[in-house]
Amino acid sequence: MRAVVTTLMILASMSTFALAKELSNLDKNGVALQGYDPVAFFTDNRPVRGDQQFQAQFHGATYYFASADHKATFEKDPAKYEPQFGGFCAYGASRGKTAPIKIEAWQIVNGRLLMQYDLDVKGKFNDDPQGNLRKADQNWPSLVEKLGK
């Protein structure tokens, strides 16, 4: 009986994993961050346009990089560099919504790349960055469940 229960639990967890949804802010070609290099936000402290010749995929998104070195850095630890909340506005996620972003309205908080709708919204997020980040983290799973594919 114990073996049957264990087998059913394994099968249930596998089917849940197989049905996991993703929600990403991508262009019509599946490119994230409007083609900007995610590593550059961390290394150059500014948005840098990526080049199609240096690209990698992660979580169903295609990322472009400014150099082969940035691509290699990303591939070593993609979760560190991918934008949070699927590349949607972090403040929007903190309010239980998805919203588009402006590339210049970015920031790194707690080592996480956050994108914002615009610079005014970034200011609102920064009125309480830790509280807003906590709310966005809480809201994100239900947004993915509701809107993800």
N, C-alpha and C. Protein backbone atom coordinates (compact mmCIF):
# COMPACT_ATOMS: atom_id res chain seq x y z
N MET A 1 0.82 -1.19 0.00
CA MET A 1 0.00 0.00 0.00
C MET A 1 0.87 1.26 0.00
N ARG A 2 1.93 1.24 0.80
CA ARG A 2 2.84 2.39 0.88
C ARG A 2 3.45 2.67 -0.50
N ALA A 3 3.80 1.61 -1.24
CA ALA A 3 4.39 1.79 -2.58
C ALA A 3 3.38 2.43 -3.54
N VAL A 4 2.11 2.05 -3.43
CA VAL A 4 1.07 2.63 -4.29
C VAL A 4 0.92 4.12 -4.00
N VAL A 5 0.87 4.47 -2.72
CA VAL A 5 0.72 5.88 -2.35
C VAL A 5 1.93 6.67 -2.83
N THR A 6 3.12 6.14 -2.65
CA THR A 6 4.34 6.81 -3.10
C THR A 6 4.32 7.01 -4.61
N THR A 7 3.92 5.99 -5.33
CA THR A 7 3.85 6.09 -6.79
C THR A 7 2.83 7.14 -7.22
N LEU A 8 1.67 7.16 -6.57
CA LEU A 8 0.66 8.17 -6.91
C LEU A 8 1.16 9.58 -6.61
N MET A 9 1.87 9.74 -5.52
CA MET A 9 2.41 11.06 -5.19
C MET A 9 3.45 11.51 -6.22
N ILE A 10 4.28 10.60 -6.66
CA ILE A 10 5.29 10.93 -7.67
C ILE A 10 4.61 11.31 -8.98
N LEU A 11 3.61 10.53 -9.38
CA LEU A 11 2.89 10.84 -10.62
C LEU A 11 2.17 12.18 -10.53
N ALA A 12 1.57 12.47 -9.40
CA ALA A 12 0.87 13.73 -9.23
C ALA A 12 1.84 14.90 -9.31
N SER A 13 3.01 14.77 -8.68
CA SER A 13 3.97 15.87 -8.74
C SER A 13 4.54 16.02 -10.13
N MET A 14 4.70 14.94 -10.87
CA MET A 14 5.20 15.03 -12.24
C MET A 14 4.17 15.72 -13.13
N SER A 15 2.90 15.42 -12.97
CA SER A 15 1.89 16.04 -13.81
C SER A 15 1.75 17.53 -13.47
N THR A 16 1.90 17.88 -12.21
CA THR A 16 1.86 19.28 -11.82
C THR A 16 3.04 20.02 -12.43
N PHE A 17 4.20 19.39 -12.39
CA PHE A 17 5.39 20.01 -12.98
C PHE A 17 5.22 20.16 -14.48
N ALA A 18 4.67 19.16 -15.12
CA ALA A 18 4.50 19.21 -16.58
C ALA A 18 3.52 20.30 -16.99
N LEU A 19 2.58 20.63 -16.11
CA LEU A 19 1.58 21.62 -16.44
C LEU A 19 1.94 23.02 -15.96
N ALA A 20 3.15 23.19 -15.45
CA ALA A 20 3.57 24.50 -14.95
C ALA A 20 3.47 25.53 -16.07
N LYS A 21 2.90 26.67 -15.72
CA LYS A 21 2.72 27.74 -16.70
C LYS A 21 3.86 28.74 -16.60
N GLU A 22 4.04 29.48 -17.68
CA GLU A 22 5.00 30.57 -17.71
C GLU A 22 4.29 31.82 -18.20
N LEU A 23 4.76 32.96 -17.73
CA LEU A 23 4.21 34.24 -18.14
C LEU A 23 5.37 35.18 -18.35
N SER A 24 5.56 35.60 -19.60
CA SER A 24 6.69 36.45 -19.94
C SER A 24 6.28 37.59 -20.85
N ASN A 25 6.90 38.72 -20.65
CA ASN A 25 6.69 39.91 -21.45
C ASN A 25 7.64 39.84 -22.65
N LEU A 26 7.16 39.25 -23.74
CA LEU A 26 8.00 39.01 -24.92
C LEU A 26 7.45 39.77 -26.12
N ASP A 27 8.32 40.07 -27.07
CA ASP A 27 7.84 40.66 -28.31
C ASP A 27 7.28 39.56 -29.21
N LYS A 28 6.83 39.91 -30.39
CA LYS A 28 6.18 38.94 -31.28
C LYS A 28 7.11 37.81 -31.72
N ASN A 29 8.43 38.01 -31.56
CA ASN A 29 9.40 36.97 -31.91
C ASN A 29 9.89 36.18 -30.70
N GLY A 30 9.29 36.42 -29.55
CA GLY A 30 9.68 35.70 -28.34
C GLY A 30 10.90 36.26 -27.65
N VAL A 31 11.28 37.50 -27.99
CA VAL A 31 12.47 38.13 -27.41
C VAL A 31 12.09 38.91 -26.15
N ALA A 32 12.86 38.70 -25.10
CA ALA A 32 12.64 39.37 -23.82
C ALA A 32 13.41 40.69 -23.77
N LEU A 33 12.98 41.56 -22.87
CA LEU A 33 13.65 42.82 -22.57
C LEU A 33 13.83 43.72 -23.80
N GLN A 34 12.91 43.59 -24.74
CA GLN A 34 12.93 44.43 -25.94
C GLN A 34 14.27 44.34 -26.67
N GLY A 35 14.94 43.19 -26.49
CA GLY A 35 16.22 42.96 -27.16
C GLY A 35 17.43 43.49 -26.41
N TYR A 36 17.25 43.97 -25.20
CA TYR A 36 18.37 44.47 -24.41
C TYR A 36 19.05 43.31 -23.68
N ASP A 37 20.31 43.48 -23.40
CA ASP A 37 21.17 42.49 -22.77
C ASP A 37 20.91 42.46 -21.26
N PRO A 38 20.40 41.35 -20.71
CA PRO A 38 20.11 41.31 -19.27
C PRO A 38 21.36 41.40 -18.40
N VAL A 39 22.48 40.90 -18.88
CA VAL A 39 23.71 40.92 -18.09
C VAL A 39 24.23 42.35 -17.96
N ALA A 40 24.06 43.16 -18.99
CA ALA A 40 24.58 44.53 -18.99
C ALA A 40 23.99 45.37 -17.86
N PHE A 41 22.76 45.11 -17.46
CA PHE A 41 22.18 45.87 -16.35
C PHE A 41 23.04 45.71 -15.10
N PHE A 42 23.62 44.52 -14.93
CA PHE A 42 24.45 44.22 -13.77
C PHE A 42 25.90 44.67 -13.95
N THR A 43 26.45 44.48 -15.15
CA THR A 43 27.87 44.75 -15.36
C THR A 43 28.16 46.16 -15.84
N ASP A 44 27.28 46.72 -16.65
CA ASP A 44 27.49 48.06 -17.20
C ASP A 44 26.65 49.12 -16.50
N ASN A 45 25.75 48.66 -15.64
CA ASN A 45 24.84 49.54 -14.89
C ASN A 45 24.01 50.44 -15.79
N ARG A 46 23.61 49.89 -16.92
CA ARG A 46 22.76 50.62 -17.86
C ARG A 46 22.21 49.63 -18.89
N PRO A 47 21.12 50.00 -19.56
CA PRO A 47 20.61 49.15 -20.64
C PRO A 47 21.55 49.21 -21.84
N VAL A 48 21.86 48.04 -22.39
CA VAL A 48 22.69 47.93 -23.58
C VAL A 48 21.96 47.03 -24.56
N ARG A 49 21.80 47.51 -25.76
CA ARG A 49 21.10 46.73 -26.80
C ARG A 49 21.90 45.45 -27.08
N GLY A 50 21.19 44.32 -27.13
CA GLY A 50 21.82 43.06 -27.46
C GLY A 50 21.93 42.87 -28.96
N ASP A 51 22.68 41.87 -29.37
CA ASP A 51 22.91 41.55 -30.77
C ASP A 51 22.36 40.14 -31.02
N GLN A 52 21.61 39.98 -32.09
CA GLN A 52 21.00 38.68 -32.41
C GLN A 52 22.03 37.57 -32.55
N GLN A 53 23.27 37.90 -32.89
CA GLN A 53 24.27 36.85 -33.06
C GLN A 53 24.66 36.20 -31.73
N PHE A 54 24.38 36.89 -30.62
CA PHE A 54 24.64 36.35 -29.28
C PHE A 54 23.30 36.18 -28.59
N GLN A 55 22.73 34.99 -28.67
CA GLN A 55 21.42 34.79 -28.06
C GLN A 55 21.36 33.47 -27.31
N ALA A 56 20.48 33.43 -26.33
CA ALA A 56 20.25 32.23 -25.52
C ALA A 56 18.78 32.19 -25.14
N GLN A 57 18.30 30.99 -24.84
CA GLN A 57 16.92 30.80 -24.42
C GLN A 57 16.89 30.39 -22.94
N PHE A 58 15.87 30.90 -22.26
CA PHE A 58 15.64 30.50 -20.87
C PHE A 58 14.18 30.76 -20.55
N HIS A 59 13.53 29.77 -19.95
CA HIS A 59 12.11 29.86 -19.58
C HIS A 59 11.24 30.33 -20.74
N GLY A 60 11.51 29.81 -21.92
CA GLY A 60 10.68 30.12 -23.08
C GLY A 60 10.93 31.47 -23.71
N ALA A 61 11.92 32.19 -23.24
CA ALA A 61 12.24 33.52 -23.77
C ALA A 61 13.60 33.48 -24.46
N THR A 62 13.74 34.31 -25.48
CA THR A 62 15.03 34.48 -26.14
C THR A 62 15.63 35.78 -25.63
N TYR A 63 16.90 35.72 -25.25
CA TYR A 63 17.63 36.89 -24.79
C TYR A 63 18.76 37.18 -25.75
N TYR A 64 18.97 38.47 -26.02
CA TYR A 64 20.09 38.93 -26.84
C TYR A 64 21.15 39.53 -25.92
N PHE A 65 22.41 39.39 -26.34
CA PHE A 65 23.53 39.88 -25.54
C PHE A 65 24.44 40.76 -26.38
N ALA A 66 25.12 41.68 -25.72
CA ALA A 66 26.01 42.60 -26.40
C ALA A 66 27.33 41.92 -26.80
N SER A 67 27.64 40.81 -26.15
CA SER A 67 28.91 40.13 -26.44
C SER A 67 28.80 38.64 -26.11
N ALA A 68 29.78 37.90 -26.63
CA ALA A 68 29.86 36.46 -26.32
C ALA A 68 30.12 36.26 -24.83
N ASP A 69 30.89 37.16 -24.21
CA ASP A 69 31.16 37.06 -22.77
C ASP A 69 29.88 37.20 -21.96
N HIS A 70 29.04 38.15 -22.33
CA HIS A 70 27.77 38.32 -21.61
C HIS A 70 26.88 37.10 -21.79
N LYS A 71 26.86 36.55 -22.99
CA LYS A 71 26.06 35.34 -23.23
C LYS A 71 26.57 34.21 -22.35
N ALA A 72 27.87 34.02 -22.28
CA ALA A 72 28.45 32.96 -21.45
C ALA A 72 28.14 33.17 -19.98
N THR A 73 28.20 34.42 -19.54
CA THR A 73 27.88 34.74 -18.15
C THR A 73 26.43 34.37 -17.84
N PHE A 74 25.54 34.73 -18.73
CA PHE A 74 24.12 34.40 -18.56
C PHE A 74 23.91 32.89 -18.51
N GLU A 75 24.53 32.18 -19.42
CA GLU A 75 24.33 30.73 -19.50
C GLU A 75 24.84 30.00 -18.26
N LYS A 76 25.78 30.57 -17.54
CA LYS A 76 26.27 29.96 -16.30
C LYS A 76 25.24 30.03 -15.18
N ASP A 77 24.42 31.09 -15.18
CA ASP A 77 23.44 31.29 -14.10
C ASP A 77 22.29 32.16 -14.60
N PRO A 78 21.48 31.64 -15.53
CA PRO A 78 20.45 32.48 -16.14
C PRO A 78 19.43 33.04 -15.16
N ALA A 79 19.10 32.31 -14.12
CA ALA A 79 18.12 32.80 -13.15
C ALA A 79 18.59 34.07 -12.45
N LYS A 80 19.89 34.25 -12.33
CA LYS A 80 20.44 35.45 -11.69
C LYS A 80 20.19 36.69 -12.54
N TYR A 81 20.16 36.53 -13.86
CA TYR A 81 20.10 37.68 -14.77
C TYR A 81 18.74 37.91 -15.41
N GLU A 82 17.88 36.91 -15.41
CA GLU A 82 16.58 37.12 -16.06
C GLU A 82 15.78 38.16 -15.28
N PRO A 83 14.99 38.95 -15.98
CA PRO A 83 14.17 39.93 -15.27
C PRO A 83 13.10 39.23 -14.43
N GLN A 84 12.82 39.79 -13.29
CA GLN A 84 11.81 39.22 -12.40
C GLN A 84 10.41 39.51 -12.96
N PHE A 85 9.46 38.73 -12.50
CA PHE A 85 8.05 38.91 -12.86
C PHE A 85 7.85 38.86 -14.37
N GLY A 86 8.60 37.93 -15.00
CA GLY A 86 8.46 37.69 -16.43
C GLY A 86 8.84 38.88 -17.29
N GLY A 87 9.53 39.86 -16.71
CA GLY A 87 9.88 41.06 -17.45
C GLY A 87 8.78 42.10 -17.48
N PHE A 88 7.70 41.84 -16.75
CA PHE A 88 6.63 42.83 -16.62
C PHE A 88 7.00 43.81 -15.50
N CYS A 89 6.22 44.85 -15.38
CA CYS A 89 6.43 45.88 -14.37
C CYS A 89 6.32 45.29 -12.95
N ALA A 90 7.37 45.49 -12.16
CA ALA A 90 7.38 44.98 -10.79
C ALA A 90 6.33 45.68 -9.93
N TYR A 91 6.14 46.97 -10.12
CA TYR A 91 5.12 47.68 -9.35
C TYR A 91 3.73 47.15 -9.72
N GLY A 92 3.51 46.92 -11.01
CA GLY A 92 2.24 46.33 -11.43
C GLY A 92 2.00 44.99 -10.76
N ALA A 93 3.04 44.15 -10.72
CA ALA A 93 2.92 42.85 -10.06
C ALA A 93 2.59 43.02 -8.58
N SER A 94 3.14 44.06 -7.96
CA SER A 94 2.85 44.30 -6.55
C SER A 94 1.39 44.69 -6.34
N ARG A 95 0.74 45.12 -7.40
CA ARG A 95 -0.68 45.50 -7.36
C ARG A 95 -1.57 44.42 -7.99
N GLY A 96 -0.98 43.26 -8.29
CA GLY A 96 -1.76 42.15 -8.83
C GLY A 96 -2.09 42.28 -10.30
N LYS A 97 -1.25 42.99 -11.05
CA LYS A 97 -1.49 43.22 -12.48
C LYS A 97 -0.21 43.01 -13.27
N THR A 98 -0.35 42.79 -14.56
CA THR A 98 0.80 42.84 -15.45
C THR A 98 0.73 44.17 -16.20
N ALA A 99 1.88 44.75 -16.44
CA ALA A 99 1.95 46.01 -17.18
C ALA A 99 3.22 46.02 -18.01
N PRO A 100 3.18 46.67 -19.17
CA PRO A 100 4.39 46.77 -20.00
C PRO A 100 5.44 47.61 -19.29
N ILE A 101 6.61 47.68 -19.89
CA ILE A 101 7.73 48.39 -19.26
C ILE A 101 8.40 49.36 -20.23
N LYS A 102 9.10 50.28 -19.66
CA LYS A 102 10.02 51.14 -20.42
C LYS A 102 11.42 50.71 -19.99
N ILE A 103 12.27 50.47 -20.95
CA ILE A 103 13.58 49.89 -20.65
C ILE A 103 14.42 50.77 -19.73
N GLU A 104 14.24 52.10 -19.80
CA GLU A 104 15.03 52.99 -18.94
C GLU A 104 14.55 52.97 -17.49
N ALA A 105 13.40 52.38 -17.23
CA ALA A 105 12.85 52.32 -15.87
C ALA A 105 13.18 50.97 -15.24
N TRP A 106 14.45 50.71 -15.10
CA TRP A 106 14.93 49.44 -14.55
C TRP A 106 15.62 49.72 -13.20
N GLN A 107 15.81 48.67 -12.45
CA GLN A 107 16.58 48.77 -11.22
C GLN A 107 16.95 47.37 -10.74
N ILE A 108 17.94 47.32 -9.91
CA ILE A 108 18.32 46.06 -9.28
C ILE A 108 18.06 46.22 -7.78
N VAL A 109 17.23 45.34 -7.27
CA VAL A 109 16.88 45.35 -5.85
C VAL A 109 17.14 43.95 -5.31
N ASN A 110 17.91 43.88 -4.25
CA ASN A 110 18.26 42.58 -3.65
C ASN A 110 18.87 41.64 -4.69
N GLY A 111 19.65 42.19 -5.61
CA GLY A 111 20.29 41.37 -6.64
C GLY A 111 19.37 40.88 -7.73
N ARG A 112 18.17 41.45 -7.80
CA ARG A 112 17.16 41.02 -8.77
C ARG A 112 16.87 42.15 -9.75
N LEU A 113 16.85 41.82 -11.05
CA LEU A 113 16.56 42.80 -12.08
C LEU A 113 15.05 43.04 -12.14
N LEU A 114 14.67 44.28 -11.88
CA LEU A 114 13.26 44.67 -11.91
C LEU A 114 13.05 45.69 -13.02
N MET A 115 11.98 45.54 -13.73
CA MET A 115 11.59 46.48 -14.76
C MET A 115 10.34 47.20 -14.27
N GLN A 116 10.17 48.45 -14.71
CA GLN A 116 9.01 49.23 -14.29
C GLN A 116 8.32 49.83 -15.51
N TYR A 117 7.07 50.20 -15.33
CA TYR A 117 6.26 50.78 -16.40
C TYR A 117 6.88 52.07 -16.95
N ASP A 118 7.31 52.94 -16.06
CA ASP A 118 7.99 54.17 -16.45
C ASP A 118 8.72 54.71 -15.22
N LEU A 119 9.38 55.84 -15.37
CA LEU A 119 10.17 56.38 -14.26
C LEU A 119 9.29 56.86 -13.11
N ASP A 120 8.08 57.36 -13.38
CA ASP A 120 7.18 57.76 -12.30
C ASP A 120 6.76 56.55 -11.46
N VAL A 121 6.44 55.46 -12.12
CA VAL A 121 6.05 54.24 -11.41
C VAL A 121 7.24 53.69 -10.63
N LYS A 122 8.43 53.78 -11.20
CA LYS A 122 9.64 53.37 -10.48
C LYS A 122 9.75 54.15 -9.17
N GLY A 123 9.45 55.44 -9.21
CA GLY A 123 9.47 56.25 -8.00
C GLY A 123 8.46 55.76 -6.98
N LYS A 124 7.26 55.39 -7.44
CA LYS A 124 6.24 54.85 -6.51
C LYS A 124 6.71 53.54 -5.90
N PHE A 125 7.31 52.69 -6.73
CA PHE A 125 7.83 51.41 -6.23
C PHE A 125 8.87 51.69 -5.14
N ASN A 126 9.71 52.68 -5.37
CA ASN A 126 10.80 52.98 -4.44
C ASN A 126 10.36 53.70 -3.18
N ASP A 127 9.07 54.08 -3.08
CA ASP A 127 8.57 54.60 -1.82
C ASP A 127 8.64 53.53 -0.73
N ASP A 128 8.52 52.26 -1.13
CA ASP A 128 8.64 51.12 -0.22
C ASP A 128 9.13 49.91 -1.02
N PRO A 129 10.41 49.92 -1.44
CA PRO A 129 10.87 48.86 -2.33
C PRO A 129 10.76 47.45 -1.74
N GLN A 130 11.07 47.28 -0.48
CA GLN A 130 11.01 45.94 0.12
C GLN A 130 9.56 45.46 0.25
N GLY A 131 8.68 46.37 0.67
CA GLY A 131 7.26 46.01 0.79
C GLY A 131 6.64 45.71 -0.56
N ASN A 132 6.97 46.55 -1.56
CA ASN A 132 6.42 46.32 -2.89
C ASN A 132 6.98 45.04 -3.52
N LEU A 133 8.24 44.76 -3.28
CA LEU A 133 8.83 43.52 -3.79
C LEU A 133 8.17 42.31 -3.14
N ARG A 134 7.94 42.40 -1.85
CA ARG A 134 7.27 41.31 -1.13
C ARG A 134 5.87 41.08 -1.69
N LYS A 135 5.13 42.17 -1.94
CA LYS A 135 3.78 42.04 -2.52
C LYS A 135 3.83 41.45 -3.92
N ALA A 136 4.80 41.89 -4.72
CA ALA A 136 4.93 41.36 -6.08
C ALA A 136 5.23 39.85 -6.04
N ASP A 137 6.13 39.46 -5.14
CA ASP A 137 6.44 38.03 -4.99
C ASP A 137 5.19 37.23 -4.59
N GLN A 138 4.37 37.80 -3.72
CA GLN A 138 3.14 37.11 -3.29
C GLN A 138 2.13 37.02 -4.42
N ASN A 139 2.01 38.06 -5.22
CA ASN A 139 1.01 38.10 -6.29
C ASN A 139 1.41 37.33 -7.54
N TRP A 140 2.70 37.19 -7.79
CA TRP A 140 3.15 36.64 -9.05
C TRP A 140 2.62 35.22 -9.34
N PRO A 141 2.64 34.28 -8.40
CA PRO A 141 2.13 32.94 -8.72
C PRO A 141 0.67 32.95 -9.21
N SER A 142 -0.18 33.76 -8.62
CA SER A 142 -1.57 33.78 -9.08
C SER A 142 -1.70 34.46 -10.44
N LEU A 143 -0.85 35.44 -10.73
CA LEU A 143 -0.85 36.05 -12.07
C LEU A 143 -0.43 35.03 -13.12
N VAL A 144 0.59 34.24 -12.80
CA VAL A 144 1.04 33.21 -13.74
C VAL A 144 -0.05 32.17 -13.94
N GLU A 145 -0.69 31.78 -12.86
CA GLU A 145 -1.76 30.79 -12.97
C GLU A 145 -2.91 31.32 -13.82
N LYS A 146 -3.27 32.57 -13.62
CA LYS A 146 -4.41 33.17 -14.31
C LYS A 146 -4.09 33.52 -15.77
N LEU A 147 -2.89 34.05 -16.03
CA LEU A 147 -2.58 34.59 -17.36
C LEU A 147 -1.55 33.79 -18.15
N GLY A 148 -0.86 32.88 -17.48
CA GLY A 148 0.23 32.15 -18.12
C GLY A 148 -0.21 31.08 -19.09
N LYS A 149 0.77 30.62 -19.85
CA LYS A 149 0.53 29.57 -20.85
C LYS A 149 1.41 28.39 -20.57
